[in-house]
Protein backbone atom coordinates (compact mmCIF):
# COMPACT_ATOMS: atom_id res chain seq x y z
CA MET A 1 35.34 83.48 -85.00
CA LEU A 2 34.17 79.95 -84.17
CA LYS A 3 36.94 77.36 -84.52
CA TYR A 4 36.50 73.62 -84.86
CA HIS A 5 38.38 71.18 -82.62
CA SER A 6 38.50 67.38 -82.39
CA LEU A 7 38.03 66.63 -86.09
CA ARG A 8 40.61 63.85 -86.29
CA ASP A 9 38.34 61.03 -85.08
CA LYS A 10 35.72 62.01 -87.66
CA VAL A 11 38.30 61.73 -90.45
CA PHE A 12 39.44 58.16 -89.76
CA ARG A 13 36.02 56.85 -88.79
CA LEU A 14 35.45 53.73 -90.90
CA GLU A 15 32.16 54.90 -92.41
CA ASN A 16 33.87 58.14 -93.49
CA LEU A 17 36.72 56.20 -95.11
CA TYR A 18 34.32 53.91 -96.99
CA SER A 19 32.34 56.94 -98.14
CA ALA A 20 35.60 58.55 -99.29
CA PHE A 21 36.48 55.44 -101.29
CA ARG A 22 33.09 55.45 -103.03
CA HIS A 23 33.65 59.07 -104.04
CA VAL A 24 37.15 58.30 -105.34
CA LYS A 25 35.85 55.30 -107.29
CA LYS A 26 33.08 57.39 -108.84
CA ASN A 27 35.61 59.96 -110.07
CA LYS A 28 37.77 57.21 -111.59
CA GLY A 29 41.28 58.40 -112.41
CA LYS A 30 44.57 56.69 -113.23
CA ALA A 31 46.91 54.92 -110.85
CA GLY A 32 49.48 57.01 -109.02
CA LEU A 33 53.13 56.37 -108.23
CA ASP A 34 52.56 52.86 -106.79
CA ARG A 35 50.67 51.82 -109.97
CA VAL A 36 47.77 50.47 -107.89
CA SER A 37 44.51 51.13 -109.72
CA ILE A 38 41.14 51.73 -108.08
CA LYS A 39 40.04 48.27 -109.28
CA GLN A 40 43.09 46.63 -107.68
CA PHE A 41 42.56 48.56 -104.44
CA GLU A 42 38.92 47.51 -104.36
CA ALA A 43 39.82 43.82 -104.81
CA ASP A 44 40.84 43.78 -101.12
CA LEU A 45 38.84 46.79 -100.00
CA ASP A 46 38.15 45.92 -96.36
CA THR A 47 41.80 45.13 -95.65
CA ASN A 48 42.98 48.30 -97.39
CA ILE A 49 40.46 50.55 -95.61
CA LEU A 50 41.37 49.03 -92.23
CA HIS A 51 45.03 49.63 -93.04
CA ILE A 52 44.36 53.33 -93.74
CA HIS A 53 42.25 53.55 -90.58
CA LYS A 54 45.10 52.11 -88.50
CA GLU A 55 47.74 54.37 -90.09
CA LEU A 56 45.65 57.47 -89.41
CA LYS A 57 44.67 56.43 -85.91
CA THR A 58 48.25 55.60 -84.86
CA ASP A 59 49.60 58.70 -86.59
CA ILE A 60 52.01 56.85 -88.90
CA TYR A 61 50.31 57.80 -92.18
CA LYS A 62 52.56 59.63 -94.62
CA PRO A 63 51.39 60.83 -98.06
CA SER A 64 53.37 59.76 -101.13
CA PRO A 65 54.59 62.15 -103.84
CA VAL A 66 52.13 62.75 -106.66
CA LEU A 67 52.86 61.45 -110.14
CA ARG A 68 53.31 64.25 -112.67
CA VAL A 69 51.43 63.69 -115.92
CA TYR A 70 50.45 66.11 -118.67
CA ILE A 71 47.11 66.33 -120.43
CA PRO A 72 46.31 68.34 -123.58
CA LYS A 73 45.16 71.92 -123.07
CA GLY A 74 43.91 72.96 -126.46
CA ARG A 75 45.93 71.79 -129.44
CA HIS A 76 49.30 73.25 -128.57
CA GLU A 77 49.55 73.44 -124.77
CA LYS A 78 49.67 70.86 -122.01
CA ARG A 79 48.38 71.10 -118.45
CA PRO A 80 50.30 69.48 -115.59
CA LEU A 81 48.39 67.17 -113.27
CA GLY A 82 49.57 65.61 -110.03
CA ILE A 83 48.06 62.14 -109.54
CA PRO A 84 48.06 60.89 -105.93
CA ILE A 85 48.02 57.17 -105.17
CA VAL A 86 44.57 55.73 -104.43
CA LYS A 87 45.26 55.55 -100.68
CA ASP A 88 46.15 59.24 -100.57
CA ARG A 89 43.06 60.14 -102.60
CA ILE A 90 40.91 58.38 -100.02
CA VAL A 91 42.60 60.20 -97.13
CA GLN A 92 42.25 63.55 -98.91
CA GLN A 93 38.57 62.89 -99.57
CA ALA A 94 38.03 61.75 -95.97
CA ILE A 95 39.49 65.04 -94.72
CA ARG A 96 37.56 67.02 -97.32
CA GLN A 97 34.27 65.45 -96.22
CA VAL A 98 34.90 66.63 -92.66
CA ILE A 99 36.17 70.16 -93.30
CA GLU A 100 34.31 71.22 -96.46
CA PRO A 101 30.99 71.91 -94.65
CA ILE A 102 32.87 74.16 -92.22
CA PHE A 103 33.93 76.52 -95.01
CA GLU A 104 31.21 75.90 -97.59
CA LYS A 105 28.46 77.79 -95.81
CA ASP A 106 30.46 81.03 -95.93
CA PHE A 107 31.54 80.86 -99.57
CA SER A 108 30.21 83.46 -102.01
CA ASP A 109 26.95 82.92 -103.86
CA ASN A 110 28.83 83.93 -107.03
CA SER A 111 31.32 81.05 -106.73
CA PHE A 112 30.29 77.89 -108.60
CA GLY A 113 33.33 75.68 -109.13
CA PHE A 114 33.69 72.33 -107.33
CA ARG A 115 31.01 73.06 -104.78
CA PRO A 116 28.10 70.86 -103.66
CA ASN A 117 24.91 71.31 -105.69
CA ARG A 118 26.51 73.86 -108.04
CA CYS A 119 27.75 73.47 -111.59
CA CYS A 120 28.91 75.28 -114.72
CA HIS A 121 25.32 75.76 -115.88
CA ASP A 122 24.57 77.74 -112.73
CA ALA A 123 27.54 80.00 -113.47
CA ILE A 124 26.39 80.54 -117.07
CA LYS A 125 22.89 81.40 -115.85
CA ARG A 126 24.33 83.93 -113.40
CA VAL A 127 26.20 85.62 -116.27
CA GLU A 128 22.91 85.82 -118.17
CA GLN A 129 21.16 87.24 -115.09
CA TYR A 130 23.70 90.04 -114.70
CA LYS A 131 23.54 90.73 -118.43
CA GLN A 132 19.76 91.21 -118.17
CA GLU A 133 20.35 93.58 -115.24
CA GLY A 134 22.49 95.77 -117.49
CA TYR A 135 26.01 94.55 -116.69
CA ARG A 136 27.31 94.22 -120.24
CA TYR A 137 30.99 95.15 -119.92
CA ILE A 138 33.41 92.40 -119.01
CA LEU A 139 36.76 92.04 -117.29
CA ASP A 140 37.82 88.55 -118.38
CA ALA A 141 40.53 87.71 -115.83
CA ASP A 142 43.10 84.93 -115.93
CA ILE A 143 45.34 84.00 -113.01
CA LYS A 144 48.66 82.62 -114.20
CA ALA A 145 49.26 79.00 -113.09
CA PHE A 146 46.80 79.45 -110.24
CA TYR A 147 46.90 75.96 -108.71
CA ASP A 148 50.67 75.63 -109.05
CA THR A 149 51.59 78.95 -107.42
CA ILE A 150 49.29 79.37 -104.41
CA PRO A 151 51.58 79.98 -101.41
CA HIS A 152 51.33 77.19 -98.84
CA LYS A 153 51.40 79.75 -96.03
CA LEU A 154 48.27 81.38 -97.45
CA ILE A 155 46.43 78.05 -97.63
CA MET A 156 47.38 77.19 -94.05
CA LYS A 157 46.41 80.66 -92.84
CA ARG A 158 42.95 80.25 -94.35
CA LEU A 159 42.55 76.79 -92.83
CA CYS A 160 43.63 78.06 -89.40
CA GLU A 161 40.87 80.68 -89.44
CA LYS A 162 38.31 77.96 -88.66
CA ILE A 163 40.21 74.77 -87.84
CA ALA A 164 42.00 74.31 -84.53
CA ASP A 165 42.70 70.59 -84.87
CA GLY A 166 46.48 70.36 -85.22
CA TRP A 167 46.36 66.84 -86.64
CA VAL A 168 44.11 67.90 -89.54
CA LEU A 169 46.22 70.98 -90.25
CA THR A 170 49.48 68.99 -90.19
CA SER A 171 47.99 66.28 -92.42
CA ILE A 172 47.00 68.84 -95.07
CA GLU A 173 50.37 70.57 -94.87
CA ASN A 174 52.11 67.21 -95.35
CA MET A 175 49.98 66.59 -98.44
CA LEU A 176 51.00 69.95 -99.88
CA LYS A 177 54.67 69.24 -99.23
CA ALA A 178 54.65 65.59 -100.36
CA GLY A 179 56.46 66.48 -103.57
CA VAL A 180 56.17 65.48 -107.22
CA MET A 181 57.72 62.56 -109.10
CA GLU A 182 58.36 63.29 -112.77
CA ASP A 183 60.29 60.94 -115.07
CA GLY A 184 61.67 59.15 -112.03
CA VAL A 185 63.00 62.35 -110.46
CA TYR A 186 61.64 63.70 -107.16
CA HIS A 187 60.87 67.41 -106.94
CA GLN A 188 60.11 69.16 -103.66
CA THR A 189 56.91 71.24 -103.57
CA THR A 190 57.20 74.60 -101.86
CA GLU A 191 54.05 76.16 -103.31
CA GLY A 192 50.83 75.19 -105.04
CA THR A 193 48.26 72.43 -104.65
CA PRO A 194 48.34 69.88 -107.47
CA GLN A 195 45.53 69.70 -110.02
CA GLY A 196 44.49 66.09 -109.69
CA GLY A 197 44.49 66.14 -105.91
CA VAL A 198 41.07 65.40 -104.39
CA ILE A 199 41.37 68.15 -101.79
CA SER A 200 42.90 70.72 -104.18
CA PRO A 201 39.59 72.21 -105.41
CA LEU A 202 38.56 73.01 -101.84
CA LEU A 203 41.95 74.52 -100.99
CA ALA A 204 41.85 76.56 -104.21
CA ASN A 205 38.35 77.78 -103.34
CA LEU A 206 39.62 78.96 -99.94
CA ILE A 207 41.98 81.27 -101.81
CA GLY A 208 39.45 82.18 -104.50
CA ASP A 209 37.04 83.15 -101.74
CA ILE A 210 39.44 85.93 -100.72
CA ILE A 211 38.99 87.39 -104.22
CA ASP A 212 35.21 86.95 -103.94
CA LYS A 213 34.97 88.75 -100.62
CA GLU A 214 37.10 91.67 -101.83
CA LEU A 215 34.97 92.05 -104.97
CA GLU A 216 31.78 91.91 -102.91
CA LYS A 217 33.04 94.54 -100.47
CA ALA A 218 33.88 96.80 -103.41
CA GLY A 219 30.39 96.30 -104.87
CA TYR A 220 31.39 94.48 -108.07
CA LYS A 221 29.27 91.92 -109.89
CA PHE A 222 31.29 88.83 -110.77
CA VAL A 223 31.02 85.13 -111.55
CA ARG A 224 33.77 82.70 -110.55
CA TYR A 225 34.30 79.06 -111.36
CA ALA A 226 37.52 77.91 -109.63
CA ASP A 227 40.31 80.01 -111.19
CA ASP A 228 38.16 81.19 -114.10
CA PHE A 229 36.24 84.39 -113.35
CA ILE A 230 34.77 87.51 -114.91
CA VAL A 231 33.85 90.89 -113.43
CA MET A 232 30.85 92.64 -114.98
CA THR A 233 30.14 96.38 -115.05
CA LYS A 234 27.44 98.62 -116.52
CA THR A 235 29.80 101.01 -118.30
CA LYS A 236 33.04 100.78 -120.24
CA GLU A 237 34.55 103.50 -118.05
CA GLU A 238 34.34 101.26 -114.95
CA LEU A 239 36.50 98.50 -116.44
CA PRO A 240 40.00 100.01 -115.97
CA ALA A 241 39.29 100.61 -112.27
CA ALA A 242 38.00 97.04 -111.96
CA LEU A 243 41.19 95.72 -113.55
CA THR A 244 43.36 97.77 -111.20
CA PHE A 245 41.36 96.53 -108.22
CA VAL A 246 41.55 92.87 -109.26
CA LYS A 247 45.28 93.15 -109.91
CA GLU A 248 45.85 94.64 -106.45
CA VAL A 249 43.96 91.78 -104.82
CA ILE A 250 45.55 88.98 -106.83
CA GLU A 251 49.11 90.26 -106.90
CA GLY A 252 49.26 92.49 -103.83
CA LYS A 253 47.14 90.54 -101.37
CA LEU A 254 47.57 86.96 -102.58
CA GLY A 255 51.03 87.03 -104.14
CA LEU A 256 49.73 85.48 -107.36
CA LYS A 257 50.12 86.77 -110.91
CA LEU A 258 47.50 88.05 -113.33
CA SER A 259 48.22 86.82 -116.85
CA GLU A 260 48.40 90.07 -118.85
CA ASP A 261 48.17 88.43 -122.27
CA LYS A 262 45.07 86.40 -121.34
CA THR A 263 43.26 89.05 -119.28
CA LYS A 264 41.14 91.40 -121.37
CA LEU A 265 38.49 94.12 -121.21
CA THR A 266 35.55 93.51 -123.51
CA ASN A 267 31.74 93.46 -123.72
CA PHE A 268 28.98 91.26 -125.09
CA LYS A 269 29.20 92.96 -128.47
CA GLY A 270 32.93 92.28 -128.75
CA GLY A 271 32.48 88.80 -127.35
CA PHE A 272 34.29 86.70 -124.76
CA LYS A 273 34.69 83.06 -123.77
CA PHE A 274 33.73 81.66 -120.38
CA LEU A 275 33.61 78.01 -119.30
CA GLY A 276 33.71 76.78 -122.89
CA TYR A 277 30.85 79.02 -124.04
CA ASN A 278 31.33 81.81 -126.55
CA PHE A 279 29.27 84.90 -125.64
CA ILE A 280 28.70 87.47 -128.37
CA ASN A 281 25.70 89.83 -128.48
CA LYS A 282 22.58 87.73 -127.84
CA TYR A 283 24.36 84.61 -129.04
CA LYS A 284 25.74 82.05 -126.61
CA GLY A 285 27.44 79.19 -128.42
CA ILE A 286 30.27 76.70 -128.27
CA SER A 287 33.74 78.19 -128.29
CA ALA A 288 36.00 77.15 -131.17
CA LYS A 289 38.41 75.61 -128.66
CA SER A 290 35.68 73.40 -127.18
CA LEU A 291 34.50 72.32 -130.62
CA ASP A 292 38.07 71.54 -131.74
CA LYS A 293 38.57 69.43 -128.63
CA LEU A 294 35.43 67.42 -129.40
CA LYS A 295 36.46 66.93 -133.03
CA ASP A 296 39.92 65.75 -131.99
CA THR A 297 38.27 63.15 -129.74
CA VAL A 298 35.96 62.04 -132.56
CA ARG A 299 38.93 61.73 -134.93
CA ARG A 300 40.77 59.57 -132.41
CA ILE A 301 37.79 57.27 -131.85
CA THR A 302 37.00 56.91 -135.57
CA ARG A 303 40.56 56.45 -136.73
CA ARG A 304 40.81 53.60 -139.25
CA THR A 305 43.94 52.15 -137.65
CA GLN A 306 41.94 51.04 -134.61
CA GLY A 307 40.59 48.11 -136.60
CA VAL A 308 37.34 47.73 -134.65
CA ASN A 309 33.79 47.22 -135.92
CA LEU A 310 31.36 50.07 -136.49
CA LYS A 311 29.12 49.22 -133.52
CA SER A 312 32.07 49.42 -131.14
CA VAL A 313 33.09 52.80 -132.59
CA ILE A 314 29.55 54.15 -132.18
CA ASP A 315 29.37 52.80 -128.63
CA ASN A 316 32.54 54.76 -127.83
CA LEU A 317 31.32 57.88 -129.62
CA ASN A 318 27.87 58.15 -128.06
CA PRO A 319 28.86 59.01 -124.45
CA VAL A 320 31.38 61.59 -125.72
CA ILE A 321 28.83 63.38 -127.91
CA ARG A 322 26.07 63.00 -125.31
CA GLY A 323 28.29 64.58 -122.64
CA HIS A 324 29.13 67.47 -124.96
CA VAL A 325 25.45 68.09 -125.79
CA ASN A 326 24.47 67.92 -122.12
CA TYR A 327 27.10 70.53 -121.27
CA PHE A 328 26.26 73.01 -124.05
CA TRP A 329 22.47 72.69 -124.11
CA LEU A 330 22.14 76.21 -122.66
CA GLY A 331 23.62 77.69 -125.84
CA ASN A 332 22.42 78.41 -129.37
CA VAL A 333 23.79 75.12 -130.66
CA GLN A 334 21.25 73.55 -133.02
CA LYS A 335 22.97 74.65 -136.23
CA VAL A 336 26.42 73.69 -134.91
CA TYR A 337 25.25 70.21 -133.90
CA ARG A 338 23.53 69.63 -137.25
CA LYS A 339 26.84 70.34 -138.97
CA LEU A 340 28.66 68.19 -136.45
CA ASP A 341 26.23 65.33 -137.03
CA ARG A 342 26.91 65.40 -140.78
CA TRP A 343 30.65 65.51 -140.14
CA VAL A 344 30.54 62.56 -137.71
CA ARG A 345 28.48 60.49 -140.16
CA MET A 346 31.05 61.24 -142.85
CA ARG A 347 33.83 60.14 -140.48
CA LEU A 348 32.02 56.87 -139.83
CA ARG A 349 31.72 56.21 -143.56
CA CYS A 350 35.26 57.26 -144.41
CA PRO A 351 37.46 57.20 -141.27
CA ARG A 352 41.02 58.36 -141.74
């Protein structure tokens, strides 16, 4: 297998670092442990980029621990994120820009998450394609705490398959082992790649690709978006074997854990949820969870205690609702959005 050497100089090339910053700025995000925001970093951009360039070139760069924060996951759960400082985000993106093309060209055509020129809509369309081809029985799989439990050794093994630049490999390993700061307490990281890390989606896809390749070799139809994936079969009788196969790959080969309470066998008639869409029979709509999340956001924006004028509230509401509509336009959503429109107008008249 072809291996890539001499990648280090490409990483700390100034044009690559500036490009990495533009990507980080576009994705926004909160300040990390040093409390330096993207805006503050940009205020002295040239000096800061040159500083990163020098640290990388002289091999004195050391990643900081990520800041642990929690964001809502539904109404009752919270998802842990690890927020790197802006400098570390730029370095991660600079490395990602160099190594992603090396792996990207060999990724599965049925993988859609966090890949160039692919999106959730493409994944939904692939589900519809397989449905039309007669694959109407579904293994809805859920990997327990996927990002947080990927073994570092497995990530490094995958990277070493194509990368022979020791500096790049060591840099990524140092990022993985940089640790987490939560409530002022440092925690060592011995596994996982933090959600919130710029390079984490690529590293997670390297592991997800192992699942993809095993499913392809076994002849299964599947659609994967990061750690969210379904396997589709033509008959109900094929599903138990598919579940056994997936479990062997995830638990036996990867050392991860399939969430038994969230993994289920179903079909289009019984319905299932995938990437926020609710599939049932010919209907493809918005899942209750996705709708609840939108309503919670609308409630927060229209809350009376904010004490702001109506125009300001509408200005804040519009991008939220527009983003939601743009995401779910593939579904049967007209009736839902008519109801939602009436509800939002009522909120604007009588916020509480």
